[in-house]
Amino acid sequence: MKHTLIALVMALVAAAQPALADSVKVTPLGGVDGEFCPQDRALVFEDPNGTRILYDPGRTVAGAGDPRLGKIDIILVSHMHGDHVGNAHAKAPNSGACDKPDASVSALPNTSAVNIALAKKARIVTGSEMPAFFAAKLRANGGDPANSVLARFGGSVTINGVRIATVNALHSNGVDPDFIGGDLGRMMKEAGIAGDVGMATGYVLRFSNGLVAYLSGDTGITVDQDTVRNHYAARLAVMNIGDGFTTGPGEAAYVINNLVKPAAVIASHANEVGTVGGKVRPGSKTETFIKAVKVPVHVPLSGKTMEFDADARCTAGC
């Protein structure tokens, strides 16, 4: 009887192993299939349990009707700039060229993040003072303001088995008056000021397979990136490399090599034609970043799904 019980326990443990080994899927939703283009920001993370998280829809997600979205449970917005929250978007996937992105459809005054959340009945998770803004937008459009969820710095929320924590991002975060509208928006625009919703935000996600991922948002070098390593133990990073507005490739490489120290990194926000024919363009910031970083760098080619295990090893699509 004892041996039978031990054998049963071992069988149950063995049966559970494939679920623990399942990978997190990461799919870039960029401007042109198979390329890394100037406006590309959006990534969809799919947990092994099926939870799907859209990070920074930006301008390349073709609105709430973009067929690439599928089911979306959670939307993360790093900050309120139009190229992240979505002030405009492409009329359809692949409707522009890599060097001439299409952003011909206005999302004002709602933002693409709000329009997608309404259509998908998704929750928008943000830090700082952004949740009240999104709650008001959801309410004004007949949605549930409770679907705007706060995860302020040092805290976290767990939704559908994915833990979401926020960390500082060193970047501006003004609300464009066009998102406010009316007389107030007009007067703010005339005065050249933006609404204040606090600091920009980075995210740390813990998926159900154990993978911890750091999403930098738009940021400069900040001491919080050391916390991402020492406290959260992030193994995968999504790092902005665009320069001028955020860390450049050299600074971003410093963050990866000396502060976060993940096992792998996905390049993001290059503000350039990063690839041609799916290959990294010689002399690009993307190439500079790849050469400077000491861990594997994965280039987010639009529509190409990458899969990562708990230690951020790419098991497919890289």
C-alpha atoms as a PDB file:
ATOM      1  CA  MET A   1       0.000   0.000   0.000  1.00  0.00           C
ATOM      2  CA  LYS A   2       2.819   2.369   0.930  1.00  0.00           C
ATOM      3  CA  HIS A   3       4.639   1.729  -2.352  1.00  0.00           C
ATOM      4  CA  THR A   4       1.389   2.199  -4.280  1.00  0.00           C
ATOM      5  CA  LEU A   5       0.820   5.569  -2.601  1.00  0.00           C
ATOM      6  CA  ILE A   6       4.372   6.708  -3.381  1.00  0.00           C
ATOM      7  CA  ALA A   7       3.987   5.647  -6.997  1.00  0.00           C
ATOM      8  CA  LEU A   8       0.705   7.560  -7.244  1.00  0.00           C
ATOM      9  CA  VAL A   9       2.281  10.725  -5.835  1.00  0.00           C
ATOM     10  CA  MET A  10       5.225  10.438  -8.230  1.00  0.00           C
ATOM     11  CA  ALA A  11       2.843   9.976 -11.156  1.00  0.00           C
ATOM     12  CA  LEU A  12       0.879  13.076 -10.170  1.00  0.00           C
ATOM     13  CA  VAL A  13       4.080  15.113  -9.892  1.00  0.00           C
ATOM     14  CA  ALA A  14       5.258  13.887 -13.285  1.00  0.00           C
ATOM     15  CA  ALA A  15       1.908  14.740 -14.820  1.00  0.00           C
ATOM     16  CA  ALA A  16       2.184  18.285 -13.494  1.00  0.00           C
ATOM     17  CA  GLN A  17       5.626  18.899 -14.964  1.00  0.00           C
ATOM     18  CA  PRO A  18       4.565  19.774 -18.548  1.00  0.00           C
ATOM     19  CA  ALA A  19       2.267  22.526 -17.209  1.00  0.00           C
ATOM     20  CA  LEU A  20       5.113  23.996 -15.161  1.00  0.00           C
ATOM     21  CA  ALA A  21       7.359  23.910 -18.212  1.00  0.00           C
ATOM     22  CA  ASP A  22       4.913  25.743 -20.462  1.00  0.00           C
ATOM     23  CA  SER A  23       6.253  28.857 -22.130  1.00  0.00           C
ATOM     24  CA  VAL A  24       5.134  32.482 -22.203  1.00  0.00           C
ATOM     25  CA  LYS A  25       4.363  33.622 -25.739  1.00  0.00           C
ATOM     26  CA  VAL A  26       5.380  37.130 -26.826  1.00  0.00           C
ATOM     27  CA  THR A  27       3.973  38.476 -30.094  1.00  0.00           C
ATOM     28  CA  PRO A  28       4.972  41.924 -31.443  1.00  0.00           C
ATOM     29  CA  LEU A  29       2.147  43.819 -33.161  1.00  0.00           C
ATOM     30  CA  GLY A  30       4.200  46.190 -35.287  1.00  0.00           C
ATOM     31  CA  GLY A  31       3.634  48.153 -38.449  1.00  0.00           C
ATOM     32  CA  VAL A  32       4.884  45.652 -41.040  1.00  0.00           C
ATOM     33  CA  ASP A  33       4.901  41.869 -40.738  1.00  0.00           C
ATOM     34  CA  GLY A  34       8.351  40.415 -40.225  1.00  0.00           C
ATOM     35  CA  GLU A  35      10.051  43.777 -39.554  1.00  0.00           C
ATOM     36  CA  PHE A  36      11.075  46.018 -36.635  1.00  0.00           C
ATOM     37  CA  CYS A  37       9.921  49.512 -37.540  1.00  0.00           C
ATOM     38  CA  PRO A  38      10.109  53.044 -36.053  1.00  0.00           C
ATOM     39  CA  GLN A  39       6.685  53.121 -34.364  1.00  0.00           C
ATOM     40  CA  ASP A  40       6.721  49.536 -33.064  1.00  0.00           C
ATOM     41  CA  ARG A  41       5.881  49.395 -29.352  1.00  0.00           C
ATOM     42  CA  ALA A  42       3.034  46.914 -28.897  1.00  0.00           C
ATOM     43  CA  LEU A  43       3.624  43.431 -27.532  1.00  0.00           C
ATOM     44  CA  VAL A  44       1.110  40.757 -26.546  1.00  0.00           C
ATOM     45  CA  PHE A  45       2.186  38.436 -23.731  1.00  0.00           C
ATOM     46  CA  GLU A  46       0.258  35.187 -23.395  1.00  0.00           C
ATOM     47  CA  ASP A  47       0.577  33.306 -20.127  1.00  0.00           C
ATOM     48  CA  PRO A  48       0.502  29.498 -20.249  1.00  0.00           C
ATOM     49  CA  ASN A  49      -2.932  29.709 -18.605  1.00  0.00           C
ATOM     50  CA  GLY A  50      -4.276  31.676 -21.595  1.00  0.00           C
ATOM     51  CA  THR A  51      -4.279  35.173 -20.055  1.00  0.00           C
ATOM     52  CA  ARG A  52      -3.344  37.710 -22.741  1.00  0.00           C
ATOM     53  CA  ILE A  53      -1.737  41.051 -21.890  1.00  0.00           C
ATOM     54  CA  LEU A  54      -1.348  43.917 -24.363  1.00  0.00           C
ATOM     55  CA  TYR A  55       1.557  46.216 -23.540  1.00  0.00           C
ATOM     56  CA  ASP A  56       1.533  49.782 -24.947  1.00  0.00           C
ATOM     57  CA  PRO A  57      -0.791  49.485 -27.986  1.00  0.00           C
ATOM     58  CA  GLY A  58       0.748  52.590 -29.554  1.00  0.00           C
ATOM     59  CA  ARG A  59       0.018  53.447 -33.167  1.00  0.00           C
ATOM     60  CA  THR A  60       0.664  50.109 -34.871  1.00  0.00           C
ATOM     61  CA  VAL A  61      -2.302  48.225 -33.396  1.00  0.00           C
ATOM     62  CA  ALA A  62      -5.039  48.951 -35.921  1.00  0.00           C
ATOM     63  CA  GLY A  63      -7.673  49.888 -33.370  1.00  0.00           C
ATOM     64  CA  ALA A  64      -9.924  47.599 -31.375  1.00  0.00           C
ATOM     65  CA  GLY A  65     -10.823  45.670 -34.511  1.00  0.00           C
ATOM     66  CA  ASP A  66      -7.249  44.626 -35.305  1.00  0.00           C
ATOM     67  CA  PRO A  67      -7.590  40.877 -36.006  1.00  0.00           C
ATOM     68  CA  ARG A  68      -4.176  40.225 -34.496  1.00  0.00           C
ATOM     69  CA  LEU A  69      -5.407  41.153 -31.022  1.00  0.00           C
ATOM     70  CA  GLY A  70      -7.695  38.213 -30.372  1.00  0.00           C
ATOM     71  CA  LYS A  71      -8.717  37.942 -26.745  1.00  0.00           C
ATOM     72  CA  ILE A  72      -7.181  40.627 -24.542  1.00  0.00           C
ATOM     73  CA  ASP A  73      -7.624  40.408 -20.767  1.00  0.00           C
ATOM     74  CA  ILE A  74      -5.259  43.127 -19.545  1.00  0.00           C
ATOM     75  CA  ILE A  75      -3.799  46.297 -21.070  1.00  0.00           C
ATOM     76  CA  LEU A  76      -0.643  47.880 -19.649  1.00  0.00           C
ATOM     77  CA  VAL A  77       0.180  51.504 -20.451  1.00  0.00           C
ATOM     78  CA  SER A  78       3.623  52.765 -19.496  1.00  0.00           C
ATOM     79  CA  HIS A  79       2.773  56.446 -19.973  1.00  0.00           C
ATOM     80  CA  MET A  80       0.451  58.837 -21.762  1.00  0.00           C
ATOM     81  CA  HIS A  81       2.460  59.755 -24.846  1.00  0.00           C
ATOM     82  CA  GLY A  82       0.569  59.103 -28.067  1.00  0.00           C
ATOM     83  CA  ASP A  83       3.045  56.559 -29.428  1.00  0.00           C
ATOM     84  CA  HIS A  84       2.355  54.350 -26.382  1.00  0.00           C
ATOM     85  CA  VAL A  85      -1.239  54.923 -25.287  1.00  0.00           C
ATOM     86  CA  GLY A  86      -2.351  55.411 -28.903  1.00  0.00           C
ATOM     87  CA  ASN A  87      -3.502  58.835 -30.064  1.00  0.00           C
ATOM     88  CA  ALA A  88      -3.853  57.513 -33.627  1.00  0.00           C
ATOM     89  CA  HIS A  89      -3.379  54.196 -35.359  1.00  0.00           C
ATOM     90  CA  ALA A  90      -2.973  52.399 -38.651  1.00  0.00           C
ATOM     91  CA  LYS A  91      -6.162  51.783 -40.595  1.00  0.00           C
ATOM     92  CA  ALA A  92      -5.219  48.111 -40.980  1.00  0.00           C
ATOM     93  CA  PRO A  93      -2.253  45.855 -40.281  1.00  0.00           C
ATOM     94  CA  ASN A  94       0.516  46.425 -42.832  1.00  0.00           C
ATOM     95  CA  SER A  95      -1.205  49.510 -44.228  1.00  0.00           C
ATOM     96  CA  GLY A  96       2.000  51.544 -44.166  1.00  0.00           C
ATOM     97  CA  ALA A  97       5.642  50.999 -45.034  1.00  0.00           C
ATOM     98  CA  CYS A  98       8.331  50.449 -42.415  1.00  0.00           C
ATOM     99  CA  ASP A  99       9.913  53.819 -43.153  1.00  0.00           C
ATOM    100  CA  LYS A 100       6.513  55.511 -43.599  1.00  0.00           C
ATOM    101  CA  PRO A 101       4.212  54.228 -40.844  1.00  0.00           C
ATOM    102  CA  ASP A 102       0.467  54.656 -41.246  1.00  0.00           C
ATOM    103  CA  ALA A 103      -1.239  56.422 -38.329  1.00  0.00           C
ATOM    104  CA  SER A 104      -4.124  57.877 -40.312  1.00  0.00           C
ATOM    105  CA  VAL A 105      -6.982  56.976 -37.937  1.00  0.00           C
ATOM    106  CA  SER A 106      -7.484  59.220 -34.914  1.00  0.00           C
ATOM    107  CA  ALA A 107      -8.214  57.660 -31.521  1.00  0.00           C
ATOM    108  CA  LEU A 108      -8.919  61.034 -29.906  1.00  0.00           C
ATOM    109  CA  PRO A 109     -10.116  61.781 -27.369  1.00  0.00           C
ATOM    110  CA  ASN A 110     -10.348  58.235 -26.026  1.00  0.00           C
ATOM    111  CA  THR A 111      -6.927  56.683 -26.834  1.00  0.00           C
ATOM    112  CA  SER A 112      -6.482  53.272 -28.428  1.00  0.00           C
ATOM    113  CA  ALA A 113      -5.929  51.742 -24.990  1.00  0.00           C
ATOM    114  CA  VAL A 114      -9.422  52.794 -23.891  1.00  0.00           C
ATOM    115  CA  ASN A 115     -11.092  51.783 -27.156  1.00  0.00           C
ATOM    116  CA  ILE A 116      -9.500  48.330 -27.003  1.00  0.00           C
ATOM    117  CA  ALA A 117     -10.405  47.921 -23.336  1.00  0.00           C
ATOM    118  CA  LEU A 118     -14.031  48.762 -24.108  1.00  0.00           C
ATOM    119  CA  ALA A 119     -14.223  46.352 -27.035  1.00  0.00           C
ATOM    120  CA  LYS A 120     -12.443  43.492 -25.280  1.00  0.00           C
ATOM    121  CA  LYS A 121     -13.868  44.113 -21.799  1.00  0.00           C
ATOM    122  CA  ALA A 122     -10.271  44.192 -20.645  1.00  0.00           C
ATOM    123  CA  ARG A 123      -8.788  45.773 -17.553  1.00  0.00           C
ATOM    124  CA  ILE A 124      -6.280  48.614 -17.871  1.00  0.00           C
ATOM    125  CA  VAL A 125      -3.565  48.303 -15.236  1.00  0.00           C
ATOM    126  CA  THR A 126      -1.421  51.378 -14.595  1.00  0.00           C
ATOM    127  CA  GLY A 127       0.616  52.972 -11.835  1.00  0.00           C
ATOM    128  CA  SER A 128       1.235  56.534 -10.681  1.00  0.00           C
ATOM    129  CA  GLU A 129      -1.884  58.736 -11.072  1.00  0.00           C
ATOM    130  CA  MET A 130      -3.025  57.296 -14.400  1.00  0.00           C
ATOM    131  CA  PRO A 131      -5.868  55.018 -13.163  1.00  0.00           C
ATOM    132  CA  ALA A 132      -8.257  57.919 -12.477  1.00  0.00           C
ATOM    133  CA  PHE A 133      -7.804  59.206 -16.038  1.00  0.00           C
ATOM    134  CA  PHE A 134      -8.608  55.807 -17.542  1.00  0.00           C
ATOM    135  CA  ALA A 135     -11.529  55.248 -15.165  1.00  0.00           C
ATOM    136  CA  ALA A 136     -13.061  58.543 -16.300  1.00  0.00           C
ATOM    137  CA  LYS A 137     -12.618  57.611 -19.966  1.00  0.00           C
ATOM    138  CA  LEU A 138     -14.201  54.191 -19.442  1.00  0.00           C
ATOM    139  CA  ARG A 139     -17.136  55.743 -17.579  1.00  0.00           C
ATOM    140  CA  ALA A 140     -17.673  58.406 -20.259  1.00  0.00           C
ATOM    141  CA  ASN A 141     -17.905  55.696 -22.915  1.00  0.00           C
ATOM    142  CA  GLY A 142     -20.306  53.397 -21.089  1.00  0.00           C
ATOM    143  CA  GLY A 143     -17.641  51.096 -19.690  1.00  0.00           C
ATOM    144  CA  ASP A 144     -16.937  50.028 -16.130  1.00  0.00           C
ATOM    145  CA  PRO A 145     -14.550  52.431 -14.366  1.00  0.00           C
ATOM    146  CA  ALA A 146     -13.596  49.577 -12.024  1.00  0.00           C
ATOM    147  CA  ASN A 147     -11.742  48.075 -14.998  1.00  0.00           C
ATOM    148  CA  SER A 148      -9.074  50.745 -14.486  1.00  0.00           C
ATOM    149  CA  VAL A 149      -6.834  49.067 -11.912  1.00  0.00           C
ATOM    150  CA  LEU A 150      -4.110  50.666  -9.800  1.00  0.00           C
ATOM    151  CA  ALA A 151      -0.734  49.025  -9.145  1.00  0.00           C
ATOM    152  CA  ARG A 152       1.333  51.816  -7.624  1.00  0.00           C
ATOM    153  CA  PHE A 153       5.117  51.662  -7.116  1.00  0.00           C
ATOM    154  CA  GLY A 154       6.155  49.005  -4.631  1.00  0.00           C
ATOM    155  CA  GLY A 155       2.772  47.308  -4.803  1.00  0.00           C
ATOM    156  CA  SER A 156       1.295  44.723  -7.130  1.00  0.00           C
ATOM    157  CA  VAL A 157      -1.956  43.151  -8.286  1.00  0.00           C
ATOM    158  CA  THR A 158      -2.559  39.609  -9.445  1.00  0.00           C
ATOM    159  CA  ILE A 159      -5.037  39.179 -12.279  1.00  0.00           C
ATOM    160  CA  ASN A 160      -5.832  35.816 -13.864  1.00  0.00           C
ATOM    161  CA  GLY A 161      -2.727  34.261 -12.329  1.00  0.00           C
ATOM    162  CA  VAL A 162      -0.270  36.951 -13.503  1.00  0.00           C
ATOM    163  CA  ARG A 163       1.301  39.204 -10.873  1.00  0.00           C
ATOM    164  CA  ILE A 164       1.795  42.797 -12.056  1.00  0.00           C
ATOM    165  CA  ALA A 165       4.064  45.170 -10.162  1.00  0.00           C
ATOM    166  CA  THR A 166       5.101  48.685 -11.158  1.00  0.00           C
ATOM    167  CA  VAL A 167       8.486  50.388 -10.925  1.00  0.00           C
ATOM    168  CA  ASN A 168       9.623  53.901 -11.752  1.00  0.00           C
ATOM    169  CA  ALA A 169      10.405  54.940 -15.297  1.00  0.00           C
ATOM    170  CA  LEU A 170      12.393  58.131 -15.698  1.00  0.00           C
ATOM    171  CA  HIS A 171      10.395  59.921 -18.381  1.00  0.00           C
ATOM    172  CA  SER A 172       7.799  62.661 -18.846  1.00  0.00           C
ATOM    173  CA  ASN A 173       4.142  61.672 -18.644  1.00  0.00           C
ATOM    174  CA  GLY A 174       1.887  64.572 -19.588  1.00  0.00           C
ATOM    175  CA  VAL A 175      -1.664  64.099 -20.851  1.00  0.00           C
ATOM    176  CA  ASP A 176      -2.050  65.762 -24.239  1.00  0.00           C
ATOM    177  CA  PRO A 177      -4.844  68.372 -24.115  1.00  0.00           C
ATOM    178  CA  ASP A 178      -6.372  66.604 -27.139  1.00  0.00           C
ATOM    179  CA  PHE A 179      -7.220  63.698 -24.789  1.00  0.00           C
ATOM    180  CA  ILE A 180      -9.087  66.169 -22.555  1.00  0.00           C
ATOM    181  CA  GLY A 181     -10.986  68.132 -25.185  1.00  0.00           C
ATOM    182  CA  GLY A 182     -13.547  70.876 -24.670  1.00  0.00           C
ATOM    183  CA  ASP A 183     -12.725  74.363 -23.455  1.00  0.00           C
ATOM    184  CA  LEU A 184     -10.295  73.064 -20.845  1.00  0.00           C
ATOM    185  CA  GLY A 185      -8.318  71.126 -23.425  1.00  0.00           C
ATOM    186  CA  ARG A 186      -8.318  74.085 -25.776  1.00  0.00           C
ATOM    187  CA  MET A 187      -7.041  76.473 -23.116  1.00  0.00           C
ATOM    188  CA  MET A 188      -4.343  74.034 -22.013  1.00  0.00           C
ATOM    189  CA  LYS A 189      -3.218  73.616 -25.597  1.00  0.00           C
ATOM    190  CA  GLU A 190      -3.055  77.364 -26.114  1.00  0.00           C
ATOM    191  CA  ALA A 191      -0.974  77.686 -22.939  1.00  0.00           C
ATOM    192  CA  GLY A 192       1.341  74.843 -24.024  1.00  0.00           C
ATOM    193  CA  ILE A 193       0.745  72.716 -20.928  1.00  0.00           C
ATOM    194  CA  ALA A 194      -0.264  69.094 -20.418  1.00  0.00           C
ATOM    195  CA  GLY A 195      -2.267  67.331 -17.722  1.00  0.00           C
ATOM    196  CA  ASP A 196      -0.391  65.798 -14.801  1.00  0.00           C
ATOM    197  CA  VAL A 197      -0.906  62.096 -14.090  1.00  0.00           C
ATOM    198  CA  GLY A 198       2.288  61.496 -12.153  1.00  0.00           C
ATOM    199  CA  MET A 199       5.393  59.617 -13.163  1.00  0.00           C
ATOM    200  CA  ALA A 200       5.800  57.245 -16.062  1.00  0.00           C
ATOM    201  CA  THR A 201       5.746  53.552 -15.212  1.00  0.00           C
ATOM    202  CA  GLY A 202       7.678  50.377 -15.853  1.00  0.00           C
ATOM    203  CA  TYR A 203       6.262  46.927 -15.128  1.00  0.00           C
ATOM    204  CA  VAL A 204       7.473  43.659 -13.648  1.00  0.00           C
ATOM    205  CA  LEU A 205       5.326  40.657 -14.571  1.00  0.00           C
ATOM    206  CA  ARG A 206       5.478  37.245 -12.901  1.00  0.00           C
ATOM    207  CA  PHE A 207       3.836  34.641 -15.100  1.00  0.00           C
ATOM    208  CA  SER A 208       2.353  31.354 -13.966  1.00  0.00           C
ATOM    209  CA  ASN A 209       5.326  29.362 -15.320  1.00  0.00           C
ATOM    210  CA  GLY A 210       7.691  31.357 -13.074  1.00  0.00           C
ATOM    211  CA  LEU A 211       9.084  33.712 -15.728  1.00  0.00           C
ATOM    212  CA  VAL A 212       9.660  37.267 -14.446  1.00  0.00           C
ATOM    213  CA  ALA A 213       9.768  39.982 -17.106  1.00  0.00           C
ATOM    214  CA  TYR A 214      10.741  43.651 -16.775  1.00  0.00           C
ATOM    215  CA  LEU A 215       9.039  46.054 -19.193  1.00  0.00           C
ATOM    216  CA  SER A 216      11.003  49.304 -19.104  1.00  0.00           C
ATOM    217  CA  GLY A 217       8.478  51.639 -20.708  1.00  0.00           C
ATOM    218  CA  ASP A 218      10.245  54.799 -21.811  1.00  0.00           C
ATOM    219  CA  THR A 219      13.001  55.407 -19.316  1.00  0.00           C
ATOM    220  CA  GLY A 220      16.448  56.709 -18.659  1.00  0.00           C
ATOM    221  CA  ILE A 221      18.921  55.015 -16.343  1.00  0.00           C
ATOM    222  CA  THR A 222      17.430  54.778 -12.854  1.00  0.00           C
ATOM    223  CA  VAL A 223      18.435  53.110  -9.584  1.00  0.00           C
ATOM    224  CA  ASP A 224      15.132  51.224  -9.622  1.00  0.00           C
ATOM    225  CA  GLN A 225      16.618  49.018 -12.328  1.00  0.00           C
ATOM    226  CA  ASP A 226      18.916  47.572  -9.681  1.00  0.00           C
ATOM    227  CA  THR A 227      15.796  46.721  -7.657  1.00  0.00           C
ATOM    228  CA  VAL A 228      14.403  44.925 -10.687  1.00  0.00           C
ATOM    229  CA  ARG A 229      17.352  42.530 -10.401  1.00  0.00           C
ATOM    230  CA  ASN A 230      17.794  42.265  -6.620  1.00  0.00           C
ATOM    231  CA  HIS A 231      14.177  42.174  -5.490  1.00  0.00           C
ATOM    232  CA  TYR A 232      12.142  40.974  -8.468  1.00  0.00           C
ATOM    233  CA  ALA A 233      14.864  38.826 -10.096  1.00  0.00           C
ATOM    234  CA  ALA A 234      13.696  39.579 -13.628  1.00  0.00           C
ATOM    235  CA  ARG A 235      15.009  37.109 -16.210  1.00  0.00           C
ATOM    236  CA  LEU A 236      13.539  38.693 -19.359  1.00  0.00           C
ATOM    237  CA  ALA A 237      13.665  42.416 -20.131  1.00  0.00           C
ATOM    238  CA  VAL A 238      11.951  44.574 -22.751  1.00  0.00           C
ATOM    239  CA  MET A 239      14.262  47.568 -23.137  1.00  0.00           C
ATOM    240  CA  ASN A 240      13.783  50.854 -24.988  1.00  0.00           C
ATOM    241  CA  ILE A 241      16.814  51.836 -27.105  1.00  0.00           C
ATOM    242  CA  GLY A 242      15.636  54.809 -29.171  1.00  0.00           C
ATOM    243  CA  ASP A 243      17.866  57.631 -27.837  1.00  0.00           C
ATOM    244  CA  GLY A 244      16.873  61.309 -27.677  1.00  0.00           C
ATOM    245  CA  PHE A 245      13.590  60.602 -25.873  1.00  0.00           C
ATOM    246  CA  THR A 246      14.766  57.553 -23.888  1.00  0.00           C
ATOM    247  CA  THR A 247      17.927  55.579 -23.273  1.00  0.00           C
ATOM    248  CA  GLY A 248      20.079  55.180 -26.362  1.00  0.00           C
ATOM    249  CA  PRO A 249      21.600  51.837 -27.311  1.00  0.00           C
ATOM    250  CA  GLY A 250      24.723  52.427 -25.207  1.00  0.00           C
ATOM    251  CA  GLU A 251      22.795  53.488 -22.117  1.00  0.00           C
ATOM    252  CA  ALA A 252      20.288  50.680 -22.603  1.00  0.00           C
ATOM    253  CA  ALA A 253      23.151  48.189 -22.827  1.00  0.00           C
ATOM    254  CA  TYR A 254      24.497  49.544 -19.525  1.00  0.00           C
ATOM    255  CA  VAL A 255      21.104  48.966 -17.904  1.00  0.00           C
ATOM    256  CA  ILE A 256      21.019  45.383 -19.147  1.00  0.00           C
ATOM    257  CA  ASN A 257      24.668  44.507 -18.470  1.00  0.00           C
ATOM    258  CA  ASN A 258      25.136  46.255 -15.123  1.00  0.00           C
ATOM    259  CA  LEU A 259      21.767  46.833 -13.468  1.00  0.00           C
ATOM    260  CA  VAL A 260      18.941  44.490 -14.493  1.00  0.00           C
ATOM    261  CA  LYS A 261      21.234  41.642 -15.636  1.00  0.00           C
ATOM    262  CA  PRO A 262      18.492  39.478 -17.173  1.00  0.00           C
ATOM    263  CA  ALA A 263      19.087  36.237 -19.034  1.00  0.00           C
ATOM    264  CA  ALA A 264      17.674  37.728 -22.263  1.00  0.00           C
ATOM    265  CA  VAL A 265      16.316  41.002 -23.611  1.00  0.00           C
ATOM    266  CA  ILE A 266      13.831  42.086 -26.264  1.00  0.00           C
ATOM    267  CA  ALA A 267      14.812  45.358 -27.963  1.00  0.00           C
ATOM    268  CA  SER A 268      12.058  47.972 -28.119  1.00  0.00           C
ATOM    269  CA  HIS A 269      11.258  51.521 -29.198  1.00  0.00           C
ATOM    270  CA  ALA A 270      14.189  51.938 -31.607  1.00  0.00           C
ATOM    271  CA  ASN A 271      12.607  54.880 -33.491  1.00  0.00           C
ATOM    272  CA  GLU A 272      14.259  53.648 -36.677  1.00  0.00           C
ATOM    273  CA  VAL A 273      13.990  51.081 -39.426  1.00  0.00           C
ATOM    274  CA  GLY A 274      15.628  48.359 -37.377  1.00  0.00           C
ATOM    275  CA  THR A 275      15.384  45.553 -39.904  1.00  0.00           C
ATOM    276  CA  VAL A 276      15.192  45.107 -43.670  1.00  0.00           C
ATOM    277  CA  GLY A 277      13.857  41.813 -44.915  1.00  0.00           C
ATOM    278  CA  GLY A 278      13.742  40.631 -41.329  1.00  0.00           C
ATOM    279  CA  LYS A 279      17.498  41.138 -40.882  1.00  0.00           C
ATOM    280  CA  VAL A 280      19.041  43.742 -38.590  1.00  0.00           C
ATOM    281  CA  ARG A 281      20.041  46.805 -40.595  1.00  0.00           C
ATOM    282  CA  PRO A 282      23.803  47.432 -40.548  1.00  0.00           C
ATOM    283  CA  GLY A 283      24.737  50.624 -38.721  1.00  0.00           C
ATOM    284  CA  SER A 284      21.401  50.815 -36.920  1.00  0.00           C
ATOM    285  CA  LYS A 285      20.841  51.515 -33.239  1.00  0.00           C
ATOM    286  CA  THR A 286      19.425  48.013 -33.057  1.00  0.00           C
ATOM    287  CA  GLU A 287      22.740  46.565 -34.247  1.00  0.00           C
ATOM    288  CA  THR A 288      24.688  48.779 -31.828  1.00  0.00           C
ATOM    289  CA  PHE A 289      22.568  47.537 -28.929  1.00  0.00           C
ATOM    290  CA  ILE A 290      22.943  43.893 -29.926  1.00  0.00           C
ATOM    291  CA  LYS A 291      26.721  44.209 -30.123  1.00  0.00           C
ATOM    292  CA  ALA A 292      26.964  45.959 -26.742  1.00  0.00           C
ATOM    293  CA  VAL A 293      24.788  43.573 -24.720  1.00  0.00           C
ATOM    294  CA  LYS A 294      26.217  40.478 -23.037  1.00  0.00           C
ATOM    295  CA  VAL A 295      23.038  38.365 -23.141  1.00  0.00           C
ATOM    296  CA  PRO A 296      20.907  37.204 -26.077  1.00  0.00           C
ATOM    297  CA  VAL A 297      19.002  40.068 -27.734  1.00  0.00           C
ATOM    298  CA  HIS A 298      15.732  39.219 -29.463  1.00  0.00           C
ATOM    299  CA  VAL A 299      14.487  41.602 -32.156  1.00  0.00           C
ATOM    300  CA  PRO A 300      10.665  41.915 -32.101  1.00  0.00           C
ATOM    301  CA  LEU A 301       9.676  41.150 -35.678  1.00  0.00           C
ATOM    302  CA  SER A 302       6.019  42.006 -36.105  1.00  0.00           C
ATOM    303  CA  GLY A 303       3.719  38.998 -36.066  1.00  0.00           C
ATOM    304  CA  LYS A 304       6.469  36.537 -35.151  1.00  0.00           C
ATOM    305  CA  THR A 305       5.715  34.855 -31.821  1.00  0.00           C
ATOM    306  CA  MET A 306       8.592  34.102 -29.481  1.00  0.00           C
ATOM    307  CA  GLU A 307       8.273  31.656 -26.585  1.00  0.00           C
ATOM    308  CA  PHE A 308      10.197  31.820 -23.318  1.00  0.00           C
ATOM    309  CA  ASP A 309      10.588  29.370 -20.454  1.00  0.00           C
ATOM    310  CA  ALA A 310      10.891  30.344 -16.792  1.00  0.00           C
ATOM    311  CA  ASP A 311      14.571  31.211 -17.200  1.00  0.00           C
ATOM    312  CA  ALA A 312      13.931  33.356 -20.320  1.00  0.00           C
ATOM    313  CA  ARG A 313      15.408  30.809 -22.670  1.00  0.00           C
ATOM    314  CA  CYS A 314      13.746  31.200 -26.048  1.00  0.00           C
ATOM    315  CA  THR A 315      12.207  27.845 -26.903  1.00  0.00           C
ATOM    316  CA  ALA A 316      10.575  28.818 -30.188  1.00  0.00           C
ATOM    317  CA  GLY A 317      10.360  31.692 -32.659  1.00  0.00           C
ATOM    318  CA  CYS A 318      13.746  33.308 -32.042  1.00  0.00           C
END
